[in-house]
Protein backbone atom coordinates (compact mmCIF):
# COMPACT_ATOMS: atom_id res chain seq x y z
CA MET A 1 -7.76 7.33 28.95
CA LYS A 2 -6.02 8.74 25.85
CA SER A 3 -7.89 8.59 22.54
CA VAL A 4 -6.01 6.97 19.66
CA LYS A 5 -6.77 8.15 16.13
CA ILE A 6 -6.72 5.31 13.61
CA PRO A 7 -5.40 6.46 10.21
CA ALA A 8 -7.96 6.55 7.39
CA PHE A 9 -5.88 4.14 5.29
CA GLU A 10 -5.90 1.53 8.07
CA LEU A 11 -9.69 1.79 8.33
CA PHE A 12 -9.96 1.44 4.55
CA LEU A 13 -7.73 -1.66 4.55
CA HIS A 14 -9.70 -3.42 7.27
CA GLU A 15 -13.03 -2.62 5.63
CA MET A 16 -12.20 -3.18 1.95
CA ILE A 17 -9.35 -5.73 1.91
CA PRO A 18 -10.21 -8.73 4.11
CA LEU A 19 -6.68 -10.12 3.90
CA ALA A 20 -5.30 -6.95 5.52
CA LYS A 21 -7.74 -7.34 8.41
CA ALA A 22 -6.85 -11.03 8.83
CA MET A 23 -3.14 -10.12 8.80
CA GLU A 24 -3.88 -7.39 11.40
CA VAL A 25 -2.14 -4.78 9.27
CA GLY A 26 -1.71 -1.43 10.98
CA VAL A 27 -0.24 1.93 10.05
CA GLU A 28 2.87 2.63 12.10
CA LEU A 29 3.81 5.90 10.39
CA SER A 30 2.55 8.07 7.56
CA ASP A 31 4.52 11.23 6.93
CA ASP A 32 5.93 13.25 4.02
CA GLN A 33 8.75 10.76 3.43
CA SER A 34 7.15 7.33 3.75
CA LEU A 35 4.34 5.03 4.76
CA VAL A 36 5.22 2.29 7.24
CA LEU A 37 2.89 -0.66 7.82
CA LYS A 38 3.18 -3.33 10.50
CA ALA A 39 1.65 -6.72 11.20
CA PRO A 40 2.18 -9.21 14.04
CA LYS A 41 4.14 -12.35 13.24
CA GLU A 42 1.67 -14.57 15.09
CA GLN A 43 -1.02 -14.03 12.41
CA ASN A 44 1.53 -14.23 9.59
CA LYS A 45 3.86 -17.10 10.41
CA ASN A 46 4.70 -20.23 8.46
CA SER A 47 5.50 -23.79 9.53
CA LEU A 48 9.09 -22.76 10.32
CA ASN A 49 7.89 -20.11 12.79
CA THR A 50 9.19 -17.29 10.59
CA ALA A 51 7.08 -14.80 8.66
CA PHE A 52 5.17 -16.35 5.75
CA GLY A 53 6.51 -15.20 2.37
CA GLY A 54 3.01 -14.37 1.11
CA SER A 55 2.42 -12.13 4.11
CA LEU A 56 5.74 -10.36 3.57
CA VAL A 57 5.06 -9.53 -0.08
CA SER A 58 1.43 -8.64 0.75
CA LEU A 59 2.48 -6.17 3.44
CA ALA A 60 5.03 -4.52 1.14
CA THR A 61 2.47 -4.35 -1.68
CA LEU A 62 -0.09 -2.83 0.69
CA ALA A 63 2.47 -0.20 1.71
CA GLY A 64 2.88 0.78 -1.95
CA TYR A 65 -0.87 0.70 -2.46
CA GLY A 66 -1.23 2.97 0.57
CA VAL A 67 1.13 5.57 -0.87
CA VAL A 68 -0.99 5.69 -4.03
CA TRP A 69 -4.26 5.60 -2.03
CA GLU A 70 -3.19 8.58 0.08
CA LEU A 71 -2.15 10.47 -3.05
CA MET A 72 -5.54 9.80 -4.66
CA LYS A 73 -7.47 10.50 -1.44
CA ASN A 74 -6.30 14.11 -1.76
CA GLU A 75 -7.60 14.17 -5.33
CA LYS A 76 -11.04 12.94 -4.19
CA GLU A 77 -11.22 15.61 -1.49
CA SER A 78 -10.71 18.33 -4.09
CA GLY A 79 -13.94 17.29 -5.83
CA LYS A 80 -12.34 15.34 -8.66
CA ALA A 81 -13.32 11.95 -10.09
CA GLU A 82 -13.30 8.66 -8.22
CA TRP A 83 -10.27 6.52 -8.99
CA SER A 84 -9.49 2.80 -9.16
CA ILE A 85 -6.08 1.58 -8.03
CA VAL A 86 -4.73 -1.79 -9.14
CA VAL A 87 -1.36 -3.53 -9.12
CA LYS A 88 -0.22 -4.04 -12.70
CA GLU A 89 3.02 -5.87 -12.01
CA SER A 90 5.16 -6.78 -9.06
CA ARG A 91 8.55 -8.32 -8.38
CA ALA A 92 9.80 -9.52 -4.99
CA ALA A 93 13.27 -10.53 -3.86
CA TYR A 94 13.51 -12.41 -0.57
CA ARG A 95 16.87 -11.69 1.10
CA ARG A 96 16.49 -13.20 4.56
CA PRO A 97 13.81 -14.66 6.85
CA VAL A 98 11.84 -12.44 9.21
CA ILE A 99 11.86 -13.80 12.75
CA GLY A 100 9.72 -11.18 14.49
CA ASP A 101 6.82 -8.90 13.65
CA LEU A 102 6.50 -7.64 10.08
CA ARG A 103 7.30 -4.05 9.09
CA ALA A 104 7.11 -2.67 5.53
CA ILE A 105 8.29 0.74 4.35
CA CYS A 106 7.37 2.46 1.10
CA GLU A 107 9.06 5.78 0.43
CA ARG A 108 6.98 8.44 -1.24
CA PRO A 109 7.99 9.42 -4.79
CA ALA A 110 9.72 12.70 -5.56
CA GLN A 111 7.54 15.72 -6.29
CA ALA A 112 8.59 15.67 -9.96
CA VAL A 113 7.40 12.05 -10.29
CA ILE A 114 4.09 12.92 -8.61
CA ALA A 115 3.63 15.91 -10.95
CA GLU A 116 4.26 13.70 -14.02
CA PHE A 117 1.84 11.08 -12.65
CA LYS A 118 -0.90 13.65 -12.00
CA ASP A 119 -0.38 15.19 -15.43
CA ALA A 120 -0.92 11.77 -17.05
CA LEU A 121 -4.06 11.28 -14.95
CA SER A 122 -5.38 14.63 -16.02
CA ARG A 123 -4.61 14.06 -19.71
CA TYR A 124 -5.52 10.40 -20.14
CA GLY A 125 -7.65 9.48 -17.13
CA LYS A 126 -5.09 6.78 -16.36
CA ALA A 127 -1.50 6.68 -15.12
CA LYS A 128 1.11 4.28 -13.77
CA LEU A 129 3.27 4.81 -10.71
CA LYS A 130 6.20 2.49 -9.97
CA LEU A 131 7.13 2.22 -6.30
CA HIS A 132 9.67 0.37 -4.19
CA ALA A 133 8.82 -1.05 -0.78
CA LYS A 134 10.85 -3.16 1.57
CA VAL A 135 10.27 -5.32 4.59
CA VAL A 136 12.88 -4.60 7.24
CA GLU A 137 13.90 -6.24 10.47
CA GLU A 138 16.56 -4.89 12.82
CA GLY A 139 17.68 -2.38 10.18
CA GLU A 140 18.23 -5.02 7.49
CA THR A 141 16.16 -5.49 4.36
CA ALA A 142 14.47 -8.89 4.33
CA VAL A 143 12.31 -8.43 1.22
CA ASP A 144 12.46 -5.93 -1.66
CA VAL A 145 9.28 -5.37 -3.66
CA THR A 146 8.96 -3.25 -6.77
CA ALA A 147 5.41 -2.78 -7.98
CA ALA A 148 3.68 -0.75 -10.66
CA PHE A 149 0.28 0.61 -9.66
CA VAL A 150 -2.20 1.79 -12.28
CA VAL A 151 -4.75 4.42 -11.39
CA SER A 152 -7.70 5.01 -13.69
CA ARG A 153 -10.88 7.03 -13.56
CA ARG A 154 -13.82 4.93 -12.41
CA SER A 155 -16.79 4.82 -14.68
CA LEU A 156 -20.17 5.95 -13.41
CA VAL A 157 -21.35 2.31 -13.32
CA GLN A 158 -18.27 1.26 -11.31
CA SER A 159 -18.81 4.11 -8.85
CA PHE A 160 -22.49 3.28 -8.51
CA LEU A 161 -21.87 -0.42 -7.89
CA GLY A 162 -18.84 0.27 -5.72
CA ARG A 163 -16.52 -2.10 -7.54
CA ASP A 164 -14.03 -2.25 -10.36
CA PHE A 165 -14.41 -4.23 -13.54
């Protein structure tokens, strides 16, 4: 039997974000270009037997969150501060219904954008990263989501209690 390695972000989602576990969110792909998340339609359908709009925007938002989480995970491994990641603002445009399983793609930002983001973190202990994610089905975009994620240094009390204020 072949062993399957579950990505760290998927484990984090299922442990720390109960909605992601209930949606059965999984990592399909995580490479240098993008993060792709998937979820079965059965756990995310509406009364019309299409994907529920809340699940679609949640999956796309989680894909963006994952891009930021993976970026900050590398910061933690280098012995730097703990970070909090929150969604500051989000906008979704629904283009067409999703009939089958859900699949969200968030492209990673350019290296120059990452450098500017990390510089702001270093200088101010806080920075914003705006990302675009989309839910696709059969090569067509069903939902576009643009979200701004704010990352800030966690206080000692927040780190100790394991939560954000």
